C-alpha atoms as a PDB file:
ATOM      1  CA  UNK A   1       0.000   0.000   0.000  1.00  0.00           C
ATOM      2  CA  UNK A   2       1.444   3.322  -1.072  1.00  0.00           C
ATOM      3  CA  UNK A   3       0.774   6.168   1.355  1.00  0.00           C
ATOM      4  CA  UNK A   4       1.000   9.798   0.248  1.00  0.00           C
ATOM      5  CA  UNK A   5       1.612  12.669   2.632  1.00  0.00           C
ATOM      6  CA  UNK A   6       1.738  16.426   2.177  1.00  0.00           C
ATOM      7  CA  UNK A   7       4.670  18.808   2.528  1.00  0.00           C
ATOM      8  CA  UNK A   8       3.318  19.896   5.921  1.00  0.00           C
ATOM      9  CA  UNK A   9       3.203  16.283   7.107  1.00  0.00           C
ATOM     10  CA  UNK A  10       6.769  15.653   5.885  1.00  0.00           C
ATOM     11  CA  UNK A  11       7.921  18.697   7.849  1.00  0.00           C
ATOM     12  CA  UNK A  12       6.093  17.499  10.970  1.00  0.00           C
ATOM     13  CA  UNK A  13       7.427  13.969  10.602  1.00  0.00           C
ATOM     14  CA  UNK A  14      11.066  14.929  10.000  1.00  0.00           C
ATOM     15  CA  UNK A  15      11.402  18.135  12.001  1.00  0.00           C
ATOM     16  CA  UNK A  16      12.649  19.942   8.895  1.00  0.00           C
ATOM     17  CA  UNK A  17      11.459  23.373   7.876  1.00  0.00           C
ATOM     18  CA  UNK A  18       9.385  23.882   4.744  1.00  0.00           C
ATOM     19  CA  UNK A  19      12.359  25.647   3.160  1.00  0.00           C
ATOM     20  CA  UNK A  20      14.670  22.701   3.869  1.00  0.00           C
ATOM     21  CA  UNK A  21      12.265  20.216   2.272  1.00  0.00           C
ATOM     22  CA  UNK A  22      11.878  22.518  -0.745  1.00  0.00           C
ATOM     23  CA  UNK A  23      15.688  22.581  -1.065  1.00  0.00           C
ATOM     24  CA  UNK A  24      15.808  18.788  -0.858  1.00  0.00           C
ATOM     25  CA  UNK A  25      13.318  18.605  -3.727  1.00  0.00           C
ATOM     26  CA  UNK A  26      15.191  21.267  -5.728  1.00  0.00           C
ATOM     27  CA  UNK A  27      18.397  19.211  -5.448  1.00  0.00           C
ATOM     28  CA  UNK A  28      16.612  16.131  -6.769  1.00  0.00           C
ATOM     29  CA  UNK A  29      16.977  14.090  -3.610  1.00  0.00           C
ATOM     30  CA  UNK A  30      13.252  13.316  -3.762  1.00  0.00           C
ATOM     31  CA  UNK A  31      10.632  13.863  -6.443  1.00  0.00           C
ATOM     32  CA  UNK A  32       7.156  14.340  -5.000  1.00  0.00           C
ATOM     33  CA  UNK A  33       4.036  14.240  -7.116  1.00  0.00           C
ATOM     34  CA  UNK A  34       2.591  17.653  -7.956  1.00  0.00           C
ATOM     35  CA  UNK A  35       3.818  20.847  -9.554  1.00  0.00           C
ATOM     36  CA  UNK A  36       3.901  23.336  -6.672  1.00  0.00           C
ATOM     37  CA  UNK A  37       4.878  22.809  -3.021  1.00  0.00           C
ATOM     38  CA  UNK A  38       1.241  23.217  -1.962  1.00  0.00           C
ATOM     39  CA  UNK A  39       0.332  20.313  -4.281  1.00  0.00           C
ATOM     40  CA  UNK A  40       3.253  18.024  -3.465  1.00  0.00           C
ATOM     41  CA  UNK A  41       2.515  14.514  -2.280  1.00  0.00           C
ATOM     42  CA  UNK A  42       5.321  12.338  -0.938  1.00  0.00           C
ATOM     43  CA  UNK A  43       5.159   8.558  -0.900  1.00  0.00           C
ATOM     44  CA  UNK A  44       6.726   6.411   1.800  1.00  0.00           C
ATOM     45  CA  UNK A  45       9.949   6.008  -0.207  1.00  0.00           C
ATOM     46  CA  UNK A  46      10.277   9.807  -0.498  1.00  0.00           C
ATOM     47  CA  UNK A  47       9.747  10.152   3.238  1.00  0.00           C
ATOM     48  CA  UNK A  48      12.511   7.609   3.924  1.00  0.00           C
ATOM     49  CA  UNK A  49      14.861   9.523   1.606  1.00  0.00           C
ATOM     50  CA  UNK A  50      14.055  12.832   3.300  1.00  0.00           C
ATOM     51  CA  UNK A  51      14.778  11.251   6.686  1.00  0.00           C
ATOM     52  CA  UNK A  52      18.018   9.778   5.352  1.00  0.00           C
ATOM     53  CA  UNK A  53      19.027  13.159   3.900  1.00  0.00           C
ATOM     54  CA  UNK A  54      18.300  14.829   7.231  1.00  0.00           C
ATOM     55  CA  UNK A  55      20.455  12.322   9.132  1.00  0.00           C
ATOM     56  CA  UNK A  56      23.317  12.697   6.645  1.00  0.00           C
ATOM     57  CA  UNK A  57      23.083  16.486   6.796  1.00  0.00           C
ATOM     58  CA  UNK A  58      23.127  16.434  10.584  1.00  0.00           C
ATOM     59  CA  UNK A  59      25.916  13.849  10.882  1.00  0.00           C
ATOM     60  CA  UNK A  60      28.180  15.045   8.061  1.00  0.00           C
ATOM     61  CA  UNK A  61      27.316  18.750   8.201  1.00  0.00           C
ATOM     62  CA  UNK A  62      27.127  18.956   4.399  1.00  0.00           C
ATOM     63  CA  UNK A  63      24.926  21.219   2.328  1.00  0.00           C
ATOM     64  CA  UNK A  64      21.984  19.730   0.423  1.00  0.00           C
ATOM     65  CA  UNK A  65      23.967  19.569  -2.823  1.00  0.00           C
ATOM     66  CA  UNK A  66      26.587  17.454  -1.056  1.00  0.00           C
ATOM     67  CA  UNK A  67      23.875  15.291   0.478  1.00  0.00           C
ATOM     68  CA  UNK A  68      22.379  14.710  -2.994  1.00  0.00           C
ATOM     69  CA  UNK A  69      25.775  13.465  -4.188  1.00  0.00           C
ATOM     70  CA  UNK A  70      26.258  11.238  -1.133  1.00  0.00           C
ATOM     71  CA  UNK A  71      22.815   9.663  -1.604  1.00  0.00           C
ATOM     72  CA  UNK A  72      23.447   9.133  -5.318  1.00  0.00           C
ATOM     73  CA  UNK A  73      26.757   7.404  -4.545  1.00  0.00           C
ATOM     74  CA  UNK A  74      25.194   5.261  -1.804  1.00  0.00           C
ATOM     75  CA  UNK A  75      22.403   4.174  -4.167  1.00  0.00           C
ATOM     76  CA  UNK A  76      24.957   3.377  -6.875  1.00  0.00           C
ATOM     77  CA  UNK A  77      26.934   1.320  -4.348  1.00  0.00           C
ATOM     78  CA  UNK A  78      23.798  -0.613  -3.368  1.00  0.00           C
ATOM     79  CA  UNK A  79      23.003  -1.344  -7.039  1.00  0.00           C
ATOM     80  CA  UNK A  80      26.568  -2.512  -7.702  1.00  0.00           C
ATOM     81  CA  UNK A  81      26.546  -4.749  -4.630  1.00  0.00           C
ATOM     82  CA  UNK A  82      23.258  -6.326  -5.747  1.00  0.00           C
ATOM     83  CA  UNK A  83      24.645  -6.822  -9.257  1.00  0.00           C
ATOM     84  CA  UNK A  84      27.797  -8.394  -7.809  1.00  0.00           C
ATOM     85  CA  UNK A  85      25.723 -10.791  -5.697  1.00  0.00           C
ATOM     86  CA  UNK A  86      23.693 -11.816  -8.757  1.00  0.00           C
ATOM     87  CA  UNK A  87      26.869 -12.425 -10.761  1.00  0.00           C
ATOM     88  CA  UNK A  88      28.352 -14.497  -7.934  1.00  0.00           C
ATOM     89  CA  UNK A  89      25.201 -16.647  -7.811  1.00  0.00           C
ATOM     90  CA  UNK A  90      25.428 -17.195 -11.579  1.00  0.00           C
ATOM     91  CA  UNK A  91      29.111 -18.090 -11.288  1.00  0.00           C
ATOM     92  CA  UNK A  92      28.388 -20.610  -8.534  1.00  0.00           C
ATOM     93  CA  UNK A  93      25.982 -22.456 -10.835  1.00  0.00           C
ATOM     94  CA  UNK A  94      28.944 -23.291 -13.071  1.00  0.00           C
ATOM     95  CA  UNK A  95      31.473 -23.949 -10.316  1.00  0.00           C
ATOM     96  CA  UNK A  96      30.112 -24.243  -6.768  1.00  0.00           C
ATOM     97  CA  UNK A  97      33.659 -23.909  -5.367  1.00  0.00           C
ATOM     98  CA  UNK A  98      34.145 -20.420  -6.874  1.00  0.00           C
ATOM     99  CA  UNK A  99      33.504 -17.223  -4.923  1.00  0.00           C
END
């Protein structure tokens, strides 16, 4: 089930200001549905990304542009790790002693 929440609810849930969430959207960290901030709807995946961005910003003290890059690199790392696991499974079919 996909839940959608408003900008106001994201702010309440994360403790971020409206301006901070707008910046997060402007940097492409999340892409809510809707054209204008008043119309934005965030799904549960967007909310998780906003929370992740907030933690990274707090812990690393980076600006939102830096956070966008960090998240992009972390997502790329996760994709590469999953691809590596799939390749290892395929390799093991041919030689169970490999890997």
